[in-house]
C-alpha atoms as a PDB file:
ATOM      1  CA  MET A   1      33.329  -2.957 -13.433  1.00  0.00           C
ATOM      2  CA  ASP A   2      31.993  -2.183 -16.794  1.00  0.00           C
ATOM      3  CA  ASN A   3      28.302  -0.477 -16.448  1.00  0.00           C
ATOM      4  CA  SER A   4      27.817  -0.271 -19.955  1.00  0.00           C
ATOM      5  CA  SER A   5      24.265  -1.534 -21.166  1.00  0.00           C
ATOM      6  CA  GLY A   6      25.247  -0.944 -25.032  1.00  0.00           C
ATOM      7  CA  VAL A   7      22.574   1.468 -25.149  1.00  0.00           C
ATOM      8  CA  GLY A   8      24.644   4.788 -24.759  1.00  0.00           C
ATOM      9  CA  VAL A   9      22.159   7.697 -24.294  1.00  0.00           C
ATOM     10  CA  LEU A  10      20.343   5.207 -21.315  1.00  0.00           C
ATOM     11  CA  ASP A  11      23.800   4.796 -19.501  1.00  0.00           C
ATOM     12  CA  LYS A  12      24.251   8.740 -19.668  1.00  0.00           C
ATOM     13  CA  ALA A  13      20.754   9.129 -18.185  1.00  0.00           C
ATOM     14  CA  ALA A  14      21.312   6.806 -15.736  1.00  0.00           C
ATOM     15  CA  LEU A  15      23.799   7.975 -14.466  1.00  0.00           C
ATOM     16  CA  VAL A  16      22.239  11.636 -14.270  1.00  0.00           C
ATOM     17  CA  LEU A  17      20.088   9.657 -12.071  1.00  0.00           C
ATOM     18  CA  SER A  18      22.141   8.500  -9.910  1.00  0.00           C
ATOM     19  CA  ALA A  19      24.372  11.473  -9.252  1.00  0.00           C
ATOM     20  CA  LEU A  20      20.973  13.316  -8.177  1.00  0.00           C
ATOM     21  CA  GLU A  21      20.572  10.285  -5.452  1.00  0.00           C
ATOM     22  CA  SER A  22      22.871  11.879  -3.005  1.00  0.00           C
ATOM     23  CA  GLY A  23      20.899  15.291  -3.509  1.00  0.00           C
ATOM     24  CA  PRO A  24      20.233  18.517  -5.677  1.00  0.00           C
ATOM     25  CA  ALA A  25      23.014  19.419  -8.118  1.00  0.00           C
ATOM     26  CA  THR A  26      23.671  22.143 -10.381  1.00  0.00           C
ATOM     27  CA  LEU A  27      24.478  21.427 -14.148  1.00  0.00           C
ATOM     28  CA  ALA A  28      28.421  21.938 -13.112  1.00  0.00           C
ATOM     29  CA  GLY A  29      27.475  19.233 -10.229  1.00  0.00           C
ATOM     30  CA  LEU A  30      26.428  17.067 -12.898  1.00  0.00           C
ATOM     31  CA  VAL A  31      29.253  17.243 -15.177  1.00  0.00           C
ATOM     32  CA  GLY A  32      31.634  16.768 -12.746  1.00  0.00           C
ATOM     33  CA  ALA A  33      29.711  13.654 -10.741  1.00  0.00           C
ATOM     34  CA  THR A  34      28.779  11.867 -14.306  1.00  0.00           C
ATOM     35  CA  GLY A  35      32.245  13.257 -15.979  1.00  0.00           C
ATOM     36  CA  LEU A  36      29.812  13.914 -19.419  1.00  0.00           C
ATOM     37  CA  ALA A  37      30.636  16.646 -21.025  1.00  0.00           C
ATOM     38  CA  ARG A  38      28.324  19.913 -20.128  1.00  0.00           C
ATOM     39  CA  PRO A  39      26.139  19.990 -23.077  1.00  0.00           C
ATOM     40  CA  THR A  40      25.505  16.385 -23.061  1.00  0.00           C
ATOM     41  CA  ALA A  41      24.258  16.469 -19.408  1.00  0.00           C
ATOM     42  CA  HIS A  42      22.109  19.388 -20.006  1.00  0.00           C
ATOM     43  CA  ARG A  43      20.254  17.597 -22.953  1.00  0.00           C
ATOM     44  CA  LEU A  44      20.080  14.599 -20.564  1.00  0.00           C
ATOM     45  CA  ALA A  45      18.667  16.744 -17.353  1.00  0.00           C
ATOM     46  CA  VAL A  46      15.766  19.029 -19.437  1.00  0.00           C
ATOM     47  CA  ALA A  47      14.720  15.541 -21.040  1.00  0.00           C
ATOM     48  CA  LEU A  48      14.336  13.803 -18.199  1.00  0.00           C
ATOM     49  CA  GLU A  49      12.762  16.637 -16.547  1.00  0.00           C
ATOM     50  CA  HIS A  50       9.908  16.700 -19.675  1.00  0.00           C
ATOM     51  CA  HIS A  51       9.196  12.902 -18.415  1.00  0.00           C
ATOM     52  CA  ARG A  52       8.817  14.108 -14.542  1.00  0.00           C
ATOM     53  CA  MET A  53      12.295  11.786 -13.585  1.00  0.00           C
ATOM     54  CA  VAL A  54      13.785  14.735 -13.021  1.00  0.00           C
ATOM     55  CA  ALA A  55      12.578  18.342 -11.502  1.00  0.00           C
ATOM     56  CA  ARG A  56      14.379  21.686 -10.560  1.00  0.00           C
ATOM     57  CA  ASP A  57      14.272  22.981  -6.611  1.00  0.00           C
ATOM     58  CA  MET A  58      13.396  26.494  -5.677  1.00  0.00           C
ATOM     59  CA  GLN A  59      17.302  27.415  -6.558  1.00  0.00           C
ATOM     60  CA  GLY A  60      16.990  26.160  -9.947  1.00  0.00           C
ATOM     61  CA  ARG A  61      19.208  22.763  -9.273  1.00  0.00           C
ATOM     62  CA  PHE A  62      18.144  19.211 -10.706  1.00  0.00           C
ATOM     63  CA  ILE A  63      16.683  16.779  -8.049  1.00  0.00           C
ATOM     64  CA  LEU A  64      15.089  13.576  -8.660  1.00  0.00           C
ATOM     65  CA  GLY A  65      11.453  14.185 -10.067  1.00  0.00           C
ATOM     66  CA  PRO A  66       7.594  12.892  -8.741  1.00  0.00           C
ATOM     67  CA  ARG A  67       7.474  10.299 -11.563  1.00  0.00           C
ATOM     68  CA  LEU A  68      10.188   8.129 -10.068  1.00  0.00           C
ATOM     69  CA  SER A  69       8.169   8.300  -6.470  1.00  0.00           C
ATOM     70  CA  GLU A  70       5.020   6.849  -8.706  1.00  0.00           C
ATOM     71  CA  LEU A  71       6.864   4.170  -9.932  1.00  0.00           C
ATOM     72  CA  ALA A  72       8.081   3.087  -6.361  1.00  0.00           C
ATOM     73  CA  ALA A  73       4.633   3.511  -5.382  1.00  0.00           C
ATOM     74  CA  ALA A  74       3.451   1.017  -8.424  1.00  0.00           C
ATOM     75  CA  ALA A  75       6.457  -1.495  -7.597  1.00  0.00           C
ATOM     76  CA  GLY A  76       5.580  -1.650  -4.139  1.00  0.00           C
ATOM     77  CA  GLU A  77       1.647  -2.646  -5.085  1.00  0.00           C
ATOM     78  CA  ASP A  78       2.948  -5.171  -7.490  1.00  0.00           C
ATOM     79  CA  ARG A  79       5.371  -7.059  -4.730  1.00  0.00           C
ATOM     80  CA  LEU A  80       1.926  -6.615  -2.323  1.00  0.00           C
ATOM     81  CA  LEU A  81      -0.191  -8.493  -4.517  1.00  0.00           C
ATOM     82  CA  ALA A  82       2.606 -11.083  -5.551  1.00  0.00           C
ATOM     83  CA  THR A  83       3.060 -12.447  -1.986  1.00  0.00           C
ATOM     84  CA  ALA A  84      -0.891 -11.554  -1.153  1.00  0.00           C
ATOM     85  CA  GLY A  85      -2.166 -14.910  -3.094  1.00  0.00           C
ATOM     86  CA  PRO A  86      -0.119 -17.659  -0.769  1.00  0.00           C
ATOM     87  CA  VAL A  87      -0.766 -15.562   2.344  1.00  0.00           C
ATOM     88  CA  LEU A  88      -4.506 -15.031   1.844  1.00  0.00           C
ATOM     89  CA  THR A  89      -4.625 -18.610   0.512  1.00  0.00           C
ATOM     90  CA  HIS A  90      -2.893 -19.784   4.135  1.00  0.00           C
ATOM     91  CA  LEU A  91      -5.408 -17.721   6.316  1.00  0.00           C
ATOM     92  CA  ARG A  92      -8.117 -19.095   4.334  1.00  0.00           C
ATOM     93  CA  ASP A  93      -7.169 -22.150   5.291  1.00  0.00           C
ATOM     94  CA  VAL A  94      -6.099 -21.228   8.879  1.00  0.00           C
ATOM     95  CA  THR A  95      -9.407 -19.604   9.975  1.00  0.00           C
ATOM     96  CA  GLY A  96     -11.382 -21.450   7.518  1.00  0.00           C
ATOM     97  CA  GLU A  97     -12.963 -18.420   6.941  1.00  0.00           C
ATOM     98  CA  SER A  98     -12.838 -16.141   2.928  1.00  0.00           C
ATOM     99  CA  ALA A  99      -9.686 -13.746   3.158  1.00  0.00           C
ATOM    100  CA  GLN A 100      -9.454 -10.483   1.703  1.00  0.00           C
ATOM    101  CA  LEU A 101      -7.060  -7.508   0.841  1.00  0.00           C
ATOM    102  CA  TYR A 102      -8.233  -4.144   0.580  1.00  0.00           C
ATOM    103  CA  ARG A 103      -6.524  -1.069  -0.521  1.00  0.00           C
ATOM    104  CA  ARG A 104      -7.926   2.322  -0.645  1.00  0.00           C
ATOM    105  CA  GLN A 105      -8.830   4.185  -3.540  1.00  0.00           C
ATOM    106  CA  GLY A 106     -10.642   7.960  -2.702  1.00  0.00           C
ATOM    107  CA  ASP A 107     -13.164   7.533  -0.856  1.00  0.00           C
ATOM    108  CA  MET A 108     -13.993   4.125  -1.036  1.00  0.00           C
ATOM    109  CA  ARG A 109     -12.252   0.698  -0.859  1.00  0.00           C
ATOM    110  CA  ILE A 110     -11.286  -1.964  -3.526  1.00  0.00           C
ATOM    111  CA  CYS A 111     -10.711  -5.378  -2.931  1.00  0.00           C
ATOM    112  CA  VAL A 112      -7.368  -6.397  -4.643  1.00  0.00           C
ATOM    113  CA  ALA A 113      -6.620 -10.017  -4.044  1.00  0.00           C
ATOM    114  CA  ALA A 114      -9.189 -12.709  -2.085  1.00  0.00           C
ATOM    115  CA  ALA A 115      -9.378 -16.374  -1.070  1.00  0.00           C
ATOM    116  CA  GLU A 116     -12.574 -17.637  -0.946  1.00  0.00           C
ATOM    117  CA  ARG A 117     -13.644 -20.427   1.684  1.00  0.00           C
ATOM    118  CA  LEU A 118     -13.655 -23.506  -0.719  1.00  0.00           C
ATOM    119  CA  SER A 119     -17.792 -24.882   0.308  1.00  0.00           C
ATOM    120  CA  GLY A 120     -20.741 -24.087   2.296  1.00  0.00           C
ATOM    121  CA  LEU A 121     -22.253 -20.417   3.392  1.00  0.00           C
ATOM    122  CA  ARG A 122     -19.348 -17.663   2.582  1.00  0.00           C
ATOM    123  CA  ASP A 123     -18.786 -14.124   2.462  1.00  0.00           C
ATOM    124  CA  THR A 124     -18.304 -13.442  -1.416  1.00  0.00           C
ATOM    125  CA  VAL A 125     -15.845 -10.777  -2.107  1.00  0.00           C
ATOM    126  CA  PRO A 126     -15.030 -10.685  -6.122  1.00  0.00           C
ATOM    127  CA  VAL A 127     -11.771  -8.810  -6.678  1.00  0.00           C
ATOM    128  CA  GLY A 128     -12.156  -5.615  -8.510  1.00  0.00           C
ATOM    129  CA  SER A 129     -14.821  -4.905  -5.906  1.00  0.00           C
ATOM    130  CA  THR A 130     -15.362  -1.331  -4.545  1.00  0.00           C
ATOM    131  CA  LEU A 131     -16.818  -0.993  -1.391  1.00  0.00           C
ATOM    132  CA  THR A 132     -17.999   1.501   1.366  1.00  0.00           C
ATOM    133  CA  MET A 133     -15.286   3.214   3.490  1.00  0.00           C
ATOM    134  CA  LYS A 134     -17.986   4.382   6.289  1.00  0.00           C
ATOM    135  CA  ALA A 135     -18.761   0.380   7.147  1.00  0.00           C
ATOM    136  CA  GLY A 136     -16.633  -2.854   8.045  1.00  0.00           C
ATOM    137  CA  SER A 137     -13.239  -3.569   9.428  1.00  0.00           C
ATOM    138  CA  SER A 138     -11.224  -3.359   6.972  1.00  0.00           C
ATOM    139  CA  ALA A 139     -12.637   0.392   6.322  1.00  0.00           C
ATOM    140  CA  GLN A 140     -11.619   1.266  10.138  1.00  0.00           C
ATOM    141  CA  ILE A 141      -8.097  -0.039   9.215  1.00  0.00           C
ATOM    142  CA  LEU A 142      -7.741   1.705   6.447  1.00  0.00           C
ATOM    143  CA  LEU A 143      -8.843   5.294   8.331  1.00  0.00           C
ATOM    144  CA  ALA A 144      -7.661   4.689  12.069  1.00  0.00           C
ATOM    145  CA  TRP A 145      -3.970   5.407  11.078  1.00  0.00           C
ATOM    146  CA  GLU A 146      -4.769   8.323   8.848  1.00  0.00           C
ATOM    147  CA  GLU A 147      -4.045  12.502   9.839  1.00  0.00           C
ATOM    148  CA  PRO A 148      -6.773  13.508  11.951  1.00  0.00           C
ATOM    149  CA  GLU A 149      -8.179  15.847   9.336  1.00  0.00           C
ATOM    150  CA  ARG A 150      -8.622  12.905   6.771  1.00  0.00           C
ATOM    151  CA  LEU A 151      -9.861  10.765   9.786  1.00  0.00           C
ATOM    152  CA  HIS A 152     -12.428  13.473  11.029  1.00  0.00           C
ATOM    153  CA  ARG A 153     -13.870  13.954   7.014  1.00  0.00           C
ATOM    154  CA  GLY A 154     -13.780   9.860   7.319  1.00  0.00           C
ATOM    155  CA  LEU A 155     -16.328   9.392  10.440  1.00  0.00           C
ATOM    156  CA  GLN A 156     -18.472  11.777   9.062  1.00  0.00           C
ATOM    157  CA  GLY A 157     -21.781   9.532   7.942  1.00  0.00           C
ATOM    158  CA  ALA A 158     -19.602   6.596   9.076  1.00  0.00           C
ATOM    159  CA  ARG A 159     -21.467   2.767  10.977  1.00  0.00           C
ATOM    160  CA  PHE A 160     -18.252   3.547  13.072  1.00  0.00           C
ATOM    161  CA  THR A 161     -17.451   6.195  15.800  1.00  0.00           C
ATOM    162  CA  ALA A 162     -13.545   8.008  16.724  1.00  0.00           C
ATOM    163  CA  THR A 163     -13.831   5.689  19.953  1.00  0.00           C
ATOM    164  CA  ALA A 164     -13.972   2.876  18.147  1.00  0.00           C
ATOM    165  CA  LEU A 165     -10.628   3.981  16.503  1.00  0.00           C
ATOM    166  CA  SER A 166      -8.865   4.722  18.933  1.00  0.00           C
ATOM    167  CA  GLY A 167      -9.677   0.658  20.186  1.00  0.00           C
ATOM    168  CA  VAL A 168      -8.127  -0.036  16.774  1.00  0.00           C
ATOM    169  CA  ARG A 169      -5.121   1.665  17.127  1.00  0.00           C
ATOM    170  CA  ARG A 170      -4.502   0.318  20.260  1.00  0.00           C
ATOM    171  CA  ARG A 171      -5.425  -3.315  19.406  1.00  0.00           C
ATOM    172  CA  GLY A 172      -3.791  -3.150  16.444  1.00  0.00           C
ATOM    173  CA  TRP A 173      -6.923  -4.681  14.745  1.00  0.00           C
ATOM    174  CA  ALA A 174     -10.242  -4.428  13.831  1.00  0.00           C
ATOM    175  CA  GLN A 175     -13.883  -6.544  13.922  1.00  0.00           C
ATOM    176  CA  SER A 176     -17.248  -5.756  12.831  1.00  0.00           C
ATOM    177  CA  ILE A 177     -20.190  -7.385  13.215  1.00  0.00           C
ATOM    178  CA  GLY A 178     -23.252  -6.899  11.283  1.00  0.00           C
ATOM    179  CA  GLU A 179     -22.159  -3.142   9.925  1.00  0.00           C
ATOM    180  CA  ARG A 180     -21.218  -3.809   5.879  1.00  0.00           C
ATOM    181  CA  GLU A 181     -23.500  -6.131   5.380  1.00  0.00           C
ATOM    182  CA  PRO A 182     -26.372  -7.772   7.489  1.00  0.00           C
ATOM    183  CA  GLY A 183     -25.079 -11.155   9.005  1.00  0.00           C
ATOM    184  CA  VAL A 184     -21.839 -10.810   8.266  1.00  0.00           C
ATOM    185  CA  ALA A 185     -18.956 -10.577  10.497  1.00  0.00           C
ATOM    186  CA  SER A 186     -15.044  -9.774   9.828  1.00  0.00           C
ATOM    187  CA  VAL A 187     -11.738  -9.198  11.310  1.00  0.00           C
ATOM    188  CA  SER A 188      -9.108  -7.029   9.537  1.00  0.00           C
ATOM    189  CA  ALA A 189      -4.872  -5.557  10.777  1.00  0.00           C
ATOM    190  CA  PRO A 190      -3.113  -3.128   8.619  1.00  0.00           C
ATOM    191  CA  VAL A 191      -0.640  -4.090   6.121  1.00  0.00           C
ATOM    192  CA  ARG A 192       2.473  -1.525   6.401  1.00  0.00           C
ATOM    193  CA  GLY A 193       4.680  -0.308   3.773  1.00  0.00           C
ATOM    194  CA  PRO A 194       8.588   0.497   4.470  1.00  0.00           C
ATOM    195  CA  SER A 195       7.659   3.961   5.672  1.00  0.00           C
ATOM    196  CA  ASN A 196       5.494   2.082   8.839  1.00  0.00           C
ATOM    197  CA  ARG A 197       2.543   3.969   6.704  1.00  0.00           C
ATOM    198  CA  VAL A 198      -0.831   1.811   6.478  1.00  0.00           C
ATOM    199  CA  VAL A 199      -0.934   1.097   2.798  1.00  0.00           C
ATOM    200  CA  ALA A 200      -3.622  -2.356   3.213  1.00  0.00           C
ATOM    201  CA  ALA A 201      -5.783  -3.844   4.929  1.00  0.00           C
ATOM    202  CA  VAL A 202      -5.788  -7.713   5.232  1.00  0.00           C
ATOM    203  CA  SER A 203      -9.351  -9.109   6.537  1.00  0.00           C
ATOM    204  CA  VAL A 204     -11.365 -12.577   7.050  1.00  0.00           C
ATOM    205  CA  SER A 205     -14.943 -12.810   6.563  1.00  0.00           C
ATOM    206  CA  GLY A 206     -17.907 -14.683   7.143  1.00  0.00           C
ATOM    207  CA  PRO A 207     -21.531 -15.267   8.662  1.00  0.00           C
ATOM    208  CA  ILE A 208     -21.930 -14.096  12.202  1.00  0.00           C
ATOM    209  CA  GLU A 209     -22.670 -17.951  12.935  1.00  0.00           C
ATOM    210  CA  ARG A 210     -19.803 -19.248  12.797  1.00  0.00           C
ATOM    211  CA  LEU A 211     -17.586 -15.709  13.551  1.00  0.00           C
ATOM    212  CA  THR A 212     -20.031 -15.320  16.338  1.00  0.00           C
ATOM    213  CA  ARG A 213     -20.535 -11.666  17.891  1.00  0.00           C
ATOM    214  CA  HIS A 214     -16.948 -11.692  19.153  1.00  0.00           C
ATOM    215  CA  PRO A 215     -15.246 -12.541  15.436  1.00  0.00           C
ATOM    216  CA  GLY A 216     -11.748 -10.570  16.830  1.00  0.00           C
ATOM    217  CA  ARG A 217     -11.235 -13.908  19.742  1.00  0.00           C
ATOM    218  CA  MET A 218     -11.494 -16.032  17.003  1.00  0.00           C
ATOM    219  CA  HIS A 219      -9.351 -14.871  14.289  1.00  0.00           C
ATOM    220  CA  ALA A 220      -7.623 -11.663  15.105  1.00  0.00           C
ATOM    221  CA  GLN A 221      -4.088 -13.516  15.952  1.00  0.00           C
ATOM    222  CA  ALA A 222      -4.217 -15.431  12.376  1.00  0.00           C
ATOM    223  CA  VAL A 223      -5.745 -12.006  10.671  1.00  0.00           C
ATOM    224  CA  ILE A 224      -2.573 -10.018  12.458  1.00  0.00           C
ATOM    225  CA  ASP A 225       0.081 -12.882  11.471  1.00  0.00           C
ATOM    226  CA  ALA A 226      -0.926 -12.493   7.593  1.00  0.00           C
ATOM    227  CA  ALA A 227      -0.510  -8.860   7.762  1.00  0.00           C
ATOM    228  CA  ALA A 228       2.942  -8.798   9.278  1.00  0.00           C
ATOM    229  CA  ARG A 229       3.943 -11.519   6.549  1.00  0.00           C
ATOM    230  CA  LEU A 230       2.842  -9.295   3.961  1.00  0.00           C
ATOM    231  CA  SER A 231       4.577  -5.957   6.127  1.00  0.00           C
ATOM    232  CA  GLU A 232       7.943  -8.086   6.372  1.00  0.00           C
ATOM    233  CA  ALA A 233       7.573  -8.847   2.253  1.00  0.00           C
ATOM    234  CA  LEU A 234       7.369  -5.110   1.827  1.00  0.00           C
ATOM    235  CA  ARG A 235      10.027  -4.165   3.598  1.00  0.00           C
ATOM    236  CA  ARG A 236      12.724  -6.722   2.374  1.00  0.00           C
ATOM    237  CA  SER A 237      11.951  -4.938  -0.864  1.00  0.00           C
ATOM    238  CA  GLY A 238      11.882  -1.913  -0.025  1.00  0.00           C
END
């Protein structure tokens, strides 16, 4: 099969990256794996290193660079957002409450997608809103599976405790009642990437009058199902 795109330099750069997919390579190893002339292989590897698509290990061998991981993460985020719309709309329709998707950004969480309840009293969180990591069920989800040091740091000044997060990990979902905002309750569950790491939190939120003081009893299963659909979409494309 002809793998030529018609753009020679890109085809050769792709050969170099493909050769490094199987592990570190010396220049001689690259020449052997790609069939490129030694000066060409060297010139391309160094150029790719400049763009951080190639790096060097401790022995000076060529390896795949950090820019590729960054691009892969961005692609994963795009896939998450592409899938989120219909999943959140379905969750809103099933529960009758506003649904949101949150990702962690430093010491805050950001609403990256939402489906609003269409009428009546509702909890409105506009896409792009940054909210605290110290309160709310989605904050609990985004913190609960962090490594111990980061988890401990995140609990300082939080409205929830280490014991509460232990319960979240055991159940696989979180709830909050008036934690982030008086009169608002919410239920959240984790979205996991291909490596099983928690990458986002799916939530439904609304007035305590409707969600009651035990919102998990009403909506945990629907939220878990929505999170599972998003996790599956990321796994399929991972």
